[in-house]
Amino acid sequence: TKDEIQEDLIRDSRIFHFGTLSSTHEGVREATRYAIDVAKEAGCIISFDPNLRPQLWPDQAQLKAAVTEFLPCADILKLSDEELFFVTGKEHIEDAVEELFAMGISVILYTKGSQGAEVYTRTAHVAVSGTGKKAVDTTGAGDGFIGSFLNQLAYEGRTLDDMKKMTDKEWESYLIFSNRYCGESIQKKGALSSYLTRQEMEMLFG
């Protein structure tokens, strides 16, 4: 509920990340709206992953309404290839980016499963291929990707203004890191239990 929001925790953060799972009924949706307001006031980067789970919603119209409401709140939007049409009404990501930018979104992170990922900003566009590793269990792969991506932004102390100026090469390094992260996490069963620490990633890839 709104009363349970830990405002100090949010204000002490660099990035606030959320998805539609905290919007499946009005009580938690109100809490999400309030948390976003606190985060924006504190100057946090706002990251949104629609993370569609239709089976948790009474009907698709309510899910679409939640996505539509929260899209303009995001500085960073993470979309999977499976979510693109539902969220934007477009079949190709290139046809959706300008409309998303017009909402105020600064960074679009487009994940394509084994085919890799892309980043779009108003000044950069980068695509990287997948790792080619065979998956044992893909549970939590999308969360692992966005989590490791945001971790890099926080680790380097990036601000929203920084992100608007980042080069293709800088974004490429982020995508490569997160692709590798997911490539390792899908080698194990489970979600949280399959995630690596930054130190483990450094030991594997330097």
N, C-alpha and C. Protein backbone atom coordinates (compact mmCIF):
# COMPACT_ATOMS: atom_id res chain seq x y z
N THR A 1 0.83 -1.19 0.00
CA THR A 1 0.00 0.00 0.00
C THR A 1 0.87 1.25 0.00
N LYS A 2 0.25 2.37 -0.27
CA LYS A 2 0.98 3.65 -0.30
C LYS A 2 1.70 3.90 1.02
N ASP A 3 1.06 3.56 2.14
CA ASP A 3 1.64 3.81 3.46
C ASP A 3 2.88 2.97 3.72
N GLU A 4 3.07 1.92 2.95
CA GLU A 4 4.22 1.03 3.16
C GLU A 4 5.44 1.44 2.34
N ILE A 5 5.31 2.45 1.50
CA ILE A 5 6.44 2.89 0.68
C ILE A 5 7.54 3.45 1.57
N GLN A 6 8.76 2.95 1.38
CA GLN A 6 9.91 3.41 2.15
C GLN A 6 10.54 4.60 1.42
N GLU A 7 10.07 5.78 1.73
CA GLU A 7 10.49 6.98 1.01
C GLU A 7 11.99 7.22 1.12
N ASP A 8 12.56 7.02 2.29
CA ASP A 8 13.99 7.27 2.48
C ASP A 8 14.84 6.35 1.61
N LEU A 9 14.39 5.12 1.46
CA LEU A 9 15.12 4.18 0.62
C LEU A 9 15.13 4.65 -0.83
N ILE A 10 13.99 5.14 -1.29
CA ILE A 10 13.91 5.64 -2.67
C ILE A 10 14.77 6.89 -2.84
N ARG A 11 14.69 7.79 -1.88
CA ARG A 11 15.44 9.05 -1.99
C ARG A 11 16.94 8.83 -1.95
N ASP A 12 17.35 7.70 -1.40
CA ASP A 12 18.78 7.39 -1.30
C ASP A 12 19.26 6.56 -2.49
N SER A 13 18.43 6.47 -3.53
CA SER A 13 18.75 5.62 -4.68
C SER A 13 19.06 6.46 -5.92
N ARG A 14 19.80 5.84 -6.84
CA ARG A 14 20.08 6.48 -8.12
C ARG A 14 19.00 6.17 -9.15
N ILE A 15 18.48 4.94 -9.08
CA ILE A 15 17.56 4.45 -10.10
C ILE A 15 16.35 3.83 -9.42
N PHE A 16 15.15 4.12 -9.95
CA PHE A 16 13.93 3.48 -9.50
C PHE A 16 13.39 2.65 -10.65
N HIS A 17 13.27 1.34 -10.43
CA HIS A 17 12.82 0.42 -11.48
C HIS A 17 11.50 -0.22 -11.07
N PHE A 18 10.57 -0.30 -12.03
CA PHE A 18 9.28 -0.91 -11.71
C PHE A 18 8.69 -1.56 -12.96
N GLY A 19 7.63 -2.34 -12.75
CA GLY A 19 6.94 -3.00 -13.85
C GLY A 19 5.46 -3.06 -13.58
N THR A 20 4.72 -3.72 -14.45
CA THR A 20 3.27 -3.77 -14.29
C THR A 20 2.81 -4.75 -13.21
N LEU A 21 3.71 -5.59 -12.72
CA LEU A 21 3.30 -6.53 -11.68
C LEU A 21 2.88 -5.82 -10.40
N SER A 22 3.32 -4.57 -10.23
CA SER A 22 2.89 -3.80 -9.07
C SER A 22 1.72 -2.88 -9.43
N SER A 23 0.92 -3.34 -10.41
CA SER A 23 -0.23 -2.54 -10.83
C SER A 23 -1.48 -3.39 -11.03
N THR A 24 -1.45 -4.63 -10.57
CA THR A 24 -2.54 -5.56 -10.90
C THR A 24 -3.85 -5.26 -10.16
N HIS A 25 -3.80 -4.42 -9.11
CA HIS A 25 -5.04 -3.93 -8.49
C HIS A 25 -4.79 -2.53 -7.97
N GLU A 26 -5.85 -1.82 -7.68
CA GLU A 26 -5.74 -0.38 -7.44
C GLU A 26 -4.88 -0.03 -6.22
N GLY A 27 -4.94 -0.83 -5.16
CA GLY A 27 -4.14 -0.51 -3.97
C GLY A 27 -2.66 -0.45 -4.26
N VAL A 28 -2.15 -1.45 -4.93
CA VAL A 28 -0.71 -1.47 -5.23
C VAL A 28 -0.39 -0.52 -6.38
N ARG A 29 -1.37 -0.27 -7.25
CA ARG A 29 -1.17 0.70 -8.33
C ARG A 29 -1.00 2.11 -7.75
N GLU A 30 -1.80 2.42 -6.74
CA GLU A 30 -1.66 3.71 -6.06
C GLU A 30 -0.28 3.83 -5.41
N ALA A 31 0.17 2.75 -4.79
CA ALA A 31 1.50 2.74 -4.16
C ALA A 31 2.59 2.96 -5.20
N THR A 32 2.43 2.35 -6.36
CA THR A 32 3.41 2.50 -7.43
C THR A 32 3.46 3.95 -7.91
N ARG A 33 2.29 4.54 -8.13
CA ARG A 33 2.24 5.94 -8.56
C ARG A 33 2.96 6.84 -7.56
N TYR A 34 2.69 6.60 -6.27
CA TYR A 34 3.30 7.42 -5.23
C TYR A 34 4.82 7.23 -5.20
N ALA A 35 5.26 5.99 -5.32
CA ALA A 35 6.70 5.71 -5.31
C ALA A 35 7.40 6.39 -6.47
N ILE A 36 6.76 6.38 -7.64
CA ILE A 36 7.34 7.06 -8.80
C ILE A 36 7.45 8.56 -8.54
N ASP A 37 6.41 9.14 -7.94
CA ASP A 37 6.45 10.58 -7.63
C ASP A 37 7.61 10.90 -6.68
N VAL A 38 7.80 10.06 -5.67
CA VAL A 38 8.91 10.26 -4.72
C VAL A 38 10.25 10.16 -5.46
N ALA A 39 10.36 9.15 -6.32
CA ALA A 39 11.60 8.95 -7.07
C ALA A 39 11.90 10.12 -7.99
N LYS A 40 10.89 10.61 -8.69
CA LYS A 40 11.09 11.75 -9.58
C LYS A 40 11.52 12.99 -8.80
N GLU A 41 10.86 13.22 -7.68
CA GLU A 41 11.20 14.37 -6.84
C GLU A 41 12.64 14.27 -6.34
N ALA A 42 13.10 13.05 -6.10
CA ALA A 42 14.46 12.83 -5.60
C ALA A 42 15.51 12.85 -6.71
N GLY A 43 15.06 12.93 -7.96
CA GLY A 43 16.00 12.98 -9.07
C GLY A 43 16.49 11.62 -9.53
N CYS A 44 15.77 10.56 -9.17
CA CYS A 44 16.15 9.22 -9.62
C CYS A 44 15.88 9.06 -11.11
N ILE A 45 16.68 8.22 -11.76
CA ILE A 45 16.37 7.75 -13.10
C ILE A 45 15.22 6.75 -12.95
N ILE A 46 14.19 6.87 -13.79
CA ILE A 46 13.03 5.98 -13.71
C ILE A 46 13.11 4.96 -14.83
N SER A 47 13.11 3.69 -14.45
CA SER A 47 13.20 2.59 -15.42
C SER A 47 11.93 1.75 -15.35
N PHE A 48 11.37 1.44 -16.52
CA PHE A 48 10.09 0.72 -16.59
C PHE A 48 10.22 -0.50 -17.50
N ASP A 49 9.87 -1.65 -16.95
CA ASP A 49 9.80 -2.90 -17.72
C ASP A 49 8.36 -3.39 -17.65
N PRO A 50 7.59 -3.28 -18.73
CA PRO A 50 6.20 -3.73 -18.69
C PRO A 50 6.04 -5.17 -18.18
N ASN A 51 6.98 -6.05 -18.55
CA ASN A 51 7.03 -7.40 -17.99
C ASN A 51 5.64 -8.03 -17.97
N LEU A 52 5.05 -8.14 -19.15
CA LEU A 52 3.65 -8.54 -19.27
C LEU A 52 3.39 -9.95 -18.75
N ARG A 53 2.41 -10.05 -17.88
CA ARG A 53 1.94 -11.34 -17.36
C ARG A 53 0.42 -11.35 -17.45
N PRO A 54 -0.15 -11.58 -18.64
CA PRO A 54 -1.60 -11.46 -18.86
C PRO A 54 -2.44 -12.29 -17.90
N GLN A 55 -1.90 -13.44 -17.45
CA GLN A 55 -2.70 -14.32 -16.59
C GLN A 55 -2.98 -13.71 -15.22
N LEU A 56 -2.28 -12.65 -14.86
CA LEU A 56 -2.48 -12.02 -13.56
C LEU A 56 -3.52 -10.90 -13.60
N TRP A 57 -4.06 -10.63 -14.77
CA TRP A 57 -4.99 -9.51 -14.94
C TRP A 57 -6.39 -10.02 -15.24
N PRO A 58 -7.42 -9.31 -14.77
CA PRO A 58 -8.80 -9.71 -15.07
C PRO A 58 -9.08 -9.73 -16.58
N ASP A 59 -8.50 -8.74 -17.29
CA ASP A 59 -8.65 -8.71 -18.75
C ASP A 59 -7.51 -7.91 -19.35
N GLN A 60 -7.33 -8.04 -20.65
CA GLN A 60 -6.22 -7.41 -21.34
C GLN A 60 -6.34 -5.89 -21.40
N ALA A 61 -7.60 -5.40 -21.36
CA ALA A 61 -7.81 -3.95 -21.41
C ALA A 61 -7.20 -3.26 -20.19
N GLN A 62 -7.32 -3.89 -19.02
CA GLN A 62 -6.75 -3.31 -17.81
C GLN A 62 -5.22 -3.32 -17.86
N LEU A 63 -4.66 -4.39 -18.40
CA LEU A 63 -3.21 -4.45 -18.54
C LEU A 63 -2.73 -3.37 -19.50
N LYS A 64 -3.40 -3.21 -20.62
CA LYS A 64 -3.01 -2.19 -21.60
C LYS A 64 -3.13 -0.79 -21.00
N ALA A 65 -4.17 -0.59 -20.19
CA ALA A 65 -4.35 0.72 -19.55
C ALA A 65 -3.22 1.04 -18.59
N ALA A 66 -2.74 0.02 -17.86
CA ALA A 66 -1.63 0.23 -16.92
C ALA A 66 -0.35 0.57 -17.67
N VAL A 67 -0.09 -0.17 -18.75
CA VAL A 67 1.11 0.11 -19.56
C VAL A 67 1.04 1.53 -20.12
N THR A 68 -0.11 1.89 -20.66
CA THR A 68 -0.29 3.21 -21.26
C THR A 68 -0.11 4.32 -20.23
N GLU A 69 -0.60 4.08 -19.01
CA GLU A 69 -0.46 5.08 -17.95
C GLU A 69 0.99 5.32 -17.57
N PHE A 70 1.76 4.22 -17.47
CA PHE A 70 3.10 4.34 -16.91
C PHE A 70 4.20 4.61 -17.94
N LEU A 71 3.94 4.40 -19.22
CA LEU A 71 4.96 4.65 -20.23
C LEU A 71 5.56 6.07 -20.14
N PRO A 72 4.74 7.11 -20.01
CA PRO A 72 5.30 8.46 -19.97
C PRO A 72 6.12 8.76 -18.72
N CYS A 73 6.06 7.89 -17.71
CA CYS A 73 6.83 8.09 -16.49
C CYS A 73 8.30 7.71 -16.67
N ALA A 74 8.58 6.93 -17.70
CA ALA A 74 9.88 6.27 -17.81
C ALA A 74 10.94 7.13 -18.48
N ASP A 75 12.15 7.09 -17.92
CA ASP A 75 13.34 7.58 -18.61
C ASP A 75 13.94 6.46 -19.46
N ILE A 76 13.90 5.24 -18.90
CA ILE A 76 14.39 4.05 -19.58
C ILE A 76 13.22 3.09 -19.73
N LEU A 77 13.02 2.58 -20.95
CA LEU A 77 11.99 1.58 -21.20
C LEU A 77 12.65 0.32 -21.70
N LYS A 78 12.36 -0.81 -21.03
CA LYS A 78 12.86 -2.10 -21.48
C LYS A 78 11.70 -2.86 -22.12
N LEU A 79 11.87 -3.22 -23.39
CA LEU A 79 10.86 -3.96 -24.13
C LEU A 79 11.46 -5.24 -24.69
N SER A 80 10.74 -6.33 -24.59
CA SER A 80 11.16 -7.56 -25.26
C SER A 80 10.50 -7.62 -26.63
N ASP A 81 11.04 -8.46 -27.50
CA ASP A 81 10.45 -8.61 -28.83
C ASP A 81 9.03 -9.14 -28.74
N GLU A 82 8.72 -9.92 -27.71
CA GLU A 82 7.37 -10.46 -27.53
C GLU A 82 6.38 -9.40 -27.07
N GLU A 83 6.88 -8.33 -26.47
CA GLU A 83 6.00 -7.29 -25.92
C GLU A 83 5.78 -6.12 -26.87
N LEU A 84 6.61 -6.00 -27.89
CA LEU A 84 6.61 -4.82 -28.74
C LEU A 84 5.24 -4.46 -29.28
N PHE A 85 4.55 -5.41 -29.90
CA PHE A 85 3.28 -5.09 -30.54
C PHE A 85 2.22 -4.74 -29.50
N PHE A 86 2.17 -5.49 -28.40
CA PHE A 86 1.16 -5.22 -27.37
C PHE A 86 1.33 -3.82 -26.81
N VAL A 87 2.58 -3.42 -26.57
CA VAL A 87 2.85 -2.14 -25.92
C VAL A 87 2.71 -0.97 -26.88
N THR A 88 3.22 -1.14 -28.12
CA THR A 88 3.30 0.00 -29.04
C THR A 88 2.34 -0.08 -30.22
N GLY A 89 1.82 -1.27 -30.52
CA GLY A 89 1.00 -1.44 -31.71
C GLY A 89 1.81 -1.53 -32.99
N LYS A 90 3.13 -1.58 -32.86
CA LYS A 90 4.03 -1.67 -34.01
C LYS A 90 4.68 -3.05 -34.07
N GLU A 91 4.93 -3.53 -35.28
CA GLU A 91 5.57 -4.83 -35.45
C GLU A 91 7.08 -4.73 -35.49
N HIS A 92 7.60 -3.54 -35.78
CA HIS A 92 9.04 -3.34 -35.87
C HIS A 92 9.46 -2.21 -34.94
N ILE A 93 10.49 -2.43 -34.18
CA ILE A 93 10.93 -1.46 -33.18
C ILE A 93 11.28 -0.12 -33.81
N GLU A 94 11.83 -0.13 -35.02
CA GLU A 94 12.21 1.13 -35.67
C GLU A 94 11.00 2.04 -35.89
N ASP A 95 9.84 1.43 -36.04
CA ASP A 95 8.62 2.21 -36.27
C ASP A 95 8.02 2.77 -34.99
N ALA A 96 8.53 2.33 -33.85
CA ALA A 96 7.95 2.73 -32.57
C ALA A 96 8.78 3.76 -31.82
N VAL A 97 10.07 3.88 -32.16
CA VAL A 97 10.97 4.66 -31.30
C VAL A 97 10.60 6.14 -31.24
N GLU A 98 10.23 6.76 -32.35
CA GLU A 98 9.94 8.18 -32.33
C GLU A 98 8.72 8.49 -31.46
N GLU A 99 7.72 7.63 -31.53
CA GLU A 99 6.53 7.81 -30.69
C GLU A 99 6.89 7.68 -29.22
N LEU A 100 7.78 6.74 -28.89
CA LEU A 100 8.20 6.55 -27.50
C LEU A 100 9.04 7.73 -27.03
N PHE A 101 9.93 8.21 -27.88
CA PHE A 101 10.72 9.39 -27.52
C PHE A 101 9.80 10.59 -27.25
N ALA A 102 8.74 10.71 -28.03
CA ALA A 102 7.82 11.84 -27.88
C ALA A 102 7.11 11.81 -26.53
N MET A 103 7.02 10.63 -25.91
CA MET A 103 6.42 10.52 -24.57
C MET A 103 7.37 11.00 -23.47
N GLY A 104 8.64 11.20 -23.83
CA GLY A 104 9.62 11.62 -22.84
C GLY A 104 10.62 10.54 -22.48
N ILE A 105 10.49 9.36 -23.07
CA ILE A 105 11.44 8.27 -22.82
C ILE A 105 12.78 8.62 -23.47
N SER A 106 13.87 8.43 -22.74
CA SER A 106 15.19 8.79 -23.25
C SER A 106 15.97 7.60 -23.79
N VAL A 107 15.77 6.43 -23.17
CA VAL A 107 16.52 5.23 -23.56
C VAL A 107 15.55 4.08 -23.75
N ILE A 108 15.60 3.45 -24.92
CA ILE A 108 14.79 2.27 -25.20
C ILE A 108 15.72 1.07 -25.29
N LEU A 109 15.51 0.12 -24.42
CA LEU A 109 16.31 -1.11 -24.40
C LEU A 109 15.43 -2.23 -24.95
N TYR A 110 15.81 -2.75 -26.12
CA TYR A 110 14.98 -3.73 -26.83
C TYR A 110 15.70 -5.07 -26.83
N THR A 111 15.12 -6.05 -26.14
CA THR A 111 15.76 -7.36 -26.02
C THR A 111 15.09 -8.36 -26.96
N LYS A 112 15.94 -9.21 -27.56
CA LYS A 112 15.46 -10.13 -28.58
C LYS A 112 15.83 -11.58 -28.29
N GLY A 113 15.89 -11.92 -27.00
CA GLY A 113 16.21 -13.29 -26.62
C GLY A 113 17.58 -13.71 -27.12
N SER A 114 17.65 -14.85 -27.77
CA SER A 114 18.93 -15.39 -28.25
C SER A 114 19.53 -14.56 -29.38
N GLN A 115 18.73 -13.64 -29.93
CA GLN A 115 19.21 -12.80 -31.04
C GLN A 115 19.93 -11.54 -30.58
N GLY A 116 19.99 -11.32 -29.26
CA GLY A 116 20.73 -10.17 -28.75
C GLY A 116 19.84 -9.04 -28.29
N ALA A 117 20.33 -7.82 -28.40
CA ALA A 117 19.60 -6.66 -27.88
C ALA A 117 20.03 -5.40 -28.62
N GLU A 118 19.19 -4.37 -28.47
CA GLU A 118 19.46 -3.08 -29.08
C GLU A 118 19.19 -1.96 -28.09
N VAL A 119 19.87 -0.84 -28.27
CA VAL A 119 19.60 0.37 -27.51
C VAL A 119 19.31 1.50 -28.50
N TYR A 120 18.29 2.27 -28.18
CA TYR A 120 17.96 3.46 -28.96
C TYR A 120 17.93 4.67 -28.04
N THR A 121 18.62 5.74 -28.41
CA THR A 121 18.42 7.05 -27.82
C THR A 121 18.25 8.02 -29.00
N ARG A 122 18.05 9.28 -28.71
CA ARG A 122 17.89 10.24 -29.81
C ARG A 122 19.19 10.46 -30.58
N THR A 123 20.31 10.08 -29.97
CA THR A 123 21.60 10.31 -30.64
C THR A 123 22.40 9.04 -30.88
N ALA A 124 21.87 7.88 -30.49
CA ALA A 124 22.63 6.64 -30.63
C ALA A 124 21.70 5.47 -30.94
N HIS A 125 22.25 4.50 -31.67
CA HIS A 125 21.56 3.23 -31.88
C HIS A 125 22.61 2.14 -32.02
N VAL A 126 22.51 1.14 -31.15
CA VAL A 126 23.48 0.05 -31.15
C VAL A 126 22.73 -1.28 -31.06
N ALA A 127 23.21 -2.27 -31.80
CA ALA A 127 22.66 -3.62 -31.74
C ALA A 127 23.81 -4.60 -31.54
N VAL A 128 23.63 -5.56 -30.66
CA VAL A 128 24.64 -6.61 -30.47
C VAL A 128 23.96 -7.97 -30.58
N SER A 129 24.72 -8.95 -31.03
CA SER A 129 24.20 -10.30 -31.20
C SER A 129 24.18 -11.04 -29.86
N GLY A 130 23.43 -12.13 -29.81
CA GLY A 130 23.39 -12.96 -28.61
C GLY A 130 24.69 -13.71 -28.43
N THR A 131 24.83 -14.37 -27.30
CA THR A 131 26.07 -15.08 -26.99
C THR A 131 26.14 -16.44 -27.66
N GLY A 132 25.00 -16.95 -28.10
CA GLY A 132 24.99 -18.28 -28.73
C GLY A 132 24.99 -19.42 -27.74
N LYS A 133 24.90 -19.11 -26.45
CA LYS A 133 24.91 -20.16 -25.44
C LYS A 133 23.54 -20.83 -25.35
N LYS A 134 23.54 -22.14 -25.21
CA LYS A 134 22.30 -22.89 -25.10
C LYS A 134 21.73 -22.73 -23.70
N ALA A 135 20.43 -22.45 -23.63
CA ALA A 135 19.79 -22.19 -22.34
C ALA A 135 19.39 -23.48 -21.63
N VAL A 136 19.68 -23.52 -20.34
CA VAL A 136 19.18 -24.58 -19.47
C VAL A 136 17.83 -24.15 -18.89
N ASP A 137 17.74 -22.87 -18.50
CA ASP A 137 16.50 -22.33 -17.93
C ASP A 137 16.52 -20.81 -18.15
N THR A 138 15.51 -20.30 -18.84
CA THR A 138 15.47 -18.86 -19.12
C THR A 138 14.68 -18.07 -18.08
N THR A 139 14.26 -18.73 -17.02
CA THR A 139 13.51 -18.03 -15.96
C THR A 139 14.34 -16.85 -15.43
N GLY A 140 13.74 -15.67 -15.44
CA GLY A 140 14.42 -14.50 -14.91
C GLY A 140 15.44 -13.88 -15.84
N ALA A 141 15.53 -14.35 -17.09
CA ALA A 141 16.54 -13.83 -18.00
C ALA A 141 16.31 -12.35 -18.30
N GLY A 142 15.05 -11.97 -18.53
CA GLY A 142 14.76 -10.57 -18.82
C GLY A 142 15.07 -9.66 -17.65
N ASP A 143 14.75 -10.11 -16.44
CA ASP A 143 15.06 -9.33 -15.24
C ASP A 143 16.58 -9.25 -15.04
N GLY A 144 17.27 -10.34 -15.35
CA GLY A 144 18.72 -10.33 -15.24
C GLY A 144 19.34 -9.34 -16.21
N PHE A 145 18.76 -9.25 -17.39
CA PHE A 145 19.29 -8.32 -18.40
C PHE A 145 19.13 -6.88 -17.94
N ILE A 146 17.91 -6.50 -17.58
CA ILE A 146 17.69 -5.11 -17.18
C ILE A 146 18.40 -4.80 -15.87
N GLY A 147 18.44 -5.77 -14.96
CA GLY A 147 19.15 -5.54 -13.70
C GLY A 147 20.63 -5.28 -13.90
N SER A 148 21.26 -6.09 -14.74
CA SER A 148 22.70 -5.91 -14.99
C SER A 148 22.96 -4.64 -15.79
N PHE A 149 22.01 -4.26 -16.63
CA PHE A 149 22.13 -3.02 -17.41
C PHE A 149 22.07 -1.81 -16.48
N LEU A 150 21.09 -1.79 -15.59
CA LEU A 150 20.96 -0.69 -14.65
C LEU A 150 22.12 -0.65 -13.66
N ASN A 151 22.63 -1.83 -13.31
CA ASN A 151 23.77 -1.90 -12.41
C ASN A 151 24.97 -1.15 -12.99
N GLN A 152 25.16 -1.26 -14.29
CA GLN A 152 26.27 -0.55 -14.92
C GLN A 152 26.09 0.96 -14.84
N LEU A 153 24.87 1.42 -15.07
CA LEU A 153 24.60 2.85 -14.96
C LEU A 153 24.87 3.36 -13.55
N ALA A 154 24.40 2.60 -12.55
CA ALA A 154 24.60 3.01 -11.16
C ALA A 154 26.07 2.91 -10.77
N TYR A 155 26.74 1.85 -11.21
CA TYR A 155 28.15 1.63 -10.87
C TYR A 155 29.02 2.77 -11.39
N GLU A 156 28.68 3.28 -12.57
CA GLU A 156 29.46 4.36 -13.17
C GLU A 156 28.91 5.74 -12.80
N GLY A 157 27.84 5.77 -12.01
CA GLY A 157 27.30 7.05 -11.56
C GLY A 157 26.67 7.87 -12.66
N ARG A 158 26.11 7.22 -13.66
CA ARG A 158 25.51 7.94 -14.79
C ARG A 158 24.24 8.68 -14.37
N THR A 159 24.06 9.85 -14.91
CA THR A 159 22.84 10.62 -14.72
C THR A 159 22.01 10.56 -16.00
N LEU A 160 20.80 11.09 -15.93
CA LEU A 160 19.96 11.14 -17.11
C LEU A 160 20.61 11.99 -18.20
N ASP A 161 21.22 13.10 -17.82
CA ASP A 161 21.91 13.94 -18.80
C ASP A 161 23.08 13.18 -19.44
N ASP A 162 23.80 12.38 -18.63
CA ASP A 162 24.89 11.57 -19.17
C ASP A 162 24.37 10.62 -20.25
N MET A 163 23.26 9.97 -19.96
CA MET A 163 22.73 8.97 -20.88
C MET A 163 22.36 9.58 -22.23
N LYS A 164 21.89 10.81 -22.20
CA LYS A 164 21.50 11.47 -23.43
C LYS A 164 22.70 11.77 -24.32
N LYS A 165 23.91 11.75 -23.73
CA LYS A 165 25.13 12.07 -24.48
C LYS A 165 26.00 10.86 -24.74
N MET A 166 25.64 9.69 -24.22
CA MET A 166 26.50 8.51 -24.36
C MET A 166 26.64 8.10 -25.83
N THR A 167 27.83 7.61 -26.16
CA THR A 167 28.14 7.25 -27.54
C THR A 167 27.72 5.82 -27.84
N ASP A 168 27.71 5.47 -29.13
CA ASP A 168 27.42 4.10 -29.53
C ASP A 168 28.36 3.12 -28.85
N LYS A 169 29.63 3.49 -28.77
CA LYS A 169 30.61 2.59 -28.18
C LYS A 169 30.33 2.33 -26.70
N GLU A 170 29.93 3.36 -25.98
CA GLU A 170 29.61 3.20 -24.57
C GLU A 170 28.39 2.31 -24.39
N TRP A 171 27.34 2.54 -25.17
CA TRP A 171 26.16 1.70 -25.09
C TRP A 171 26.47 0.26 -25.48
N GLU A 172 27.33 0.10 -26.46
CA GLU A 172 27.69 -1.25 -26.90
C GLU A 172 28.32 -2.04 -25.76
N SER A 173 29.17 -1.39 -24.98
CA SER A 173 29.82 -2.09 -23.86
C SER A 173 28.79 -2.53 -22.84
N TYR A 174 27.75 -1.73 -22.62
CA TYR A 174 26.68 -2.10 -21.70
C TYR A 174 25.91 -3.32 -22.21
N LEU A 175 25.58 -3.31 -23.49
CA LEU A 175 24.84 -4.42 -24.07
C LEU A 175 25.65 -5.71 -24.03
N ILE A 176 26.92 -5.60 -24.33
CA ILE A 176 27.79 -6.80 -24.31
C ILE A 176 27.83 -7.37 -22.89
N PHE A 177 27.99 -6.50 -21.90
CA PHE A 177 28.03 -6.95 -20.51
C PHE A 177 26.73 -7.68 -20.14
N SER A 178 25.58 -7.07 -20.46
CA SER A 178 24.31 -7.66 -20.08
C SER A 178 24.00 -8.93 -20.86
N ASN A 179 24.42 -8.98 -22.12
CA ASN A 179 24.29 -10.21 -22.89
C ASN A 179 25.09 -11.35 -22.26
N ARG A 180 26.31 -11.03 -21.87
CA ARG A 180 27.15 -12.04 -21.21
C ARG A 180 26.53 -12.46 -19.88
N TYR A 181 25.99 -11.49 -19.16
CA TYR A 181 25.37 -11.78 -17.88
C TYR A 181 24.23 -12.79 -18.05
N CYS A 182 23.37 -12.51 -19.02
CA CYS A 182 22.26 -13.42 -19.27
C CYS A 182 22.75 -14.76 -19.80
N GLY A 183 23.78 -14.72 -20.64
CA GLY A 183 24.33 -15.96 -21.17
C GLY A 183 24.81 -16.90 -20.08
N GLU A 184 25.33 -16.32 -19.00
CA GLU A 184 25.77 -17.13 -17.87
C GLU A 184 24.58 -17.55 -16.99
N SER A 185 23.64 -16.64 -16.76
CA SER A 185 22.55 -16.95 -15.84
C SER A 185 21.64 -18.06 -16.38
N ILE A 186 21.49 -18.15 -17.70
CA ILE A 186 20.61 -19.18 -18.26
C ILE A 186 21.27 -20.56 -18.30
N GLN A 187 22.49 -20.63 -17.79
CA GLN A 187 23.16 -21.94 -17.70
C GLN A 187 22.75 -22.70 -16.45
N LYS A 188 22.03 -22.03 -15.56
CA LYS A 188 21.61 -22.64 -14.31
C LYS A 188 20.09 -22.56 -14.18
N LYS A 189 19.52 -23.46 -13.39
CA LYS A 189 18.09 -23.43 -13.14
C LYS A 189 17.77 -22.40 -12.06
N GLY A 190 16.58 -21.80 -12.20
CA GLY A 190 16.15 -20.83 -11.22
C GLY A 190 16.36 -19.41 -11.71
N ALA A 191 15.81 -18.46 -10.96
CA ALA A 191 15.93 -17.04 -11.31
C ALA A 191 17.02 -16.39 -10.46
N LEU A 192 16.69 -15.98 -9.23
CA LEU A 192 17.66 -15.31 -8.38
C LEU A 192 18.91 -16.16 -8.14
N SER A 193 18.71 -17.46 -8.01
CA SER A 193 19.84 -18.34 -7.72
C SER A 193 20.83 -18.44 -8.88
N SER A 194 20.40 -18.01 -10.08
CA SER A 194 21.28 -18.10 -11.24
C SER A 194 22.05 -16.81 -11.51
N TYR A 195 21.75 -15.76 -10.75
CA TYR A 195 22.38 -14.47 -11.02
C TYR A 195 23.80 -14.41 -10.45
N LEU A 196 24.69 -13.81 -11.23
CA LEU A 196 26.08 -13.65 -10.81
C LEU A 196 26.28 -12.30 -10.14
N THR A 197 27.29 -12.21 -9.31
CA THR A 197 27.68 -10.92 -8.74
C THR A 197 28.60 -10.22 -9.73
N ARG A 198 28.81 -8.93 -9.53
CA ARG A 198 29.74 -8.19 -10.38
C ARG A 198 31.15 -8.79 -10.28
N GLN A 199 31.52 -9.22 -9.07
CA GLN A 199 32.86 -9.81 -8.90
C GLN A 199 33.00 -11.11 -9.72
N GLU A 200 31.95 -11.91 -9.74
CA GLU A 200 31.98 -13.14 -10.53
C GLU A 200 32.07 -12.83 -12.03
N MET A 201 31.40 -11.79 -12.46
CA MET A 201 31.48 -11.39 -13.86
C MET A 201 32.90 -10.92 -14.20
N GLU A 202 33.51 -10.18 -13.31
CA GLU A 202 34.87 -9.69 -13.55
C GLU A 202 35.86 -10.84 -13.61
N MET A 203 35.63 -11.87 -12.80
CA MET A 203 36.51 -13.05 -12.84
C MET A 203 36.38 -13.79 -14.16
N LEU A 204 35.17 -13.82 -14.72
CA LEU A 204 34.94 -14.53 -15.98
C LEU A 204 35.40 -13.73 -17.20
N PHE A 205 35.16 -12.42 -17.17
CA PHE A 205 35.37 -11.64 -18.40
C PHE A 205 36.35 -10.47 -18.25
N GLY A 206 36.83 -10.25 -17.04
CA GLY A 206 37.79 -9.20 -16.83
C GLY A 206 37.17 -7.81 -16.77
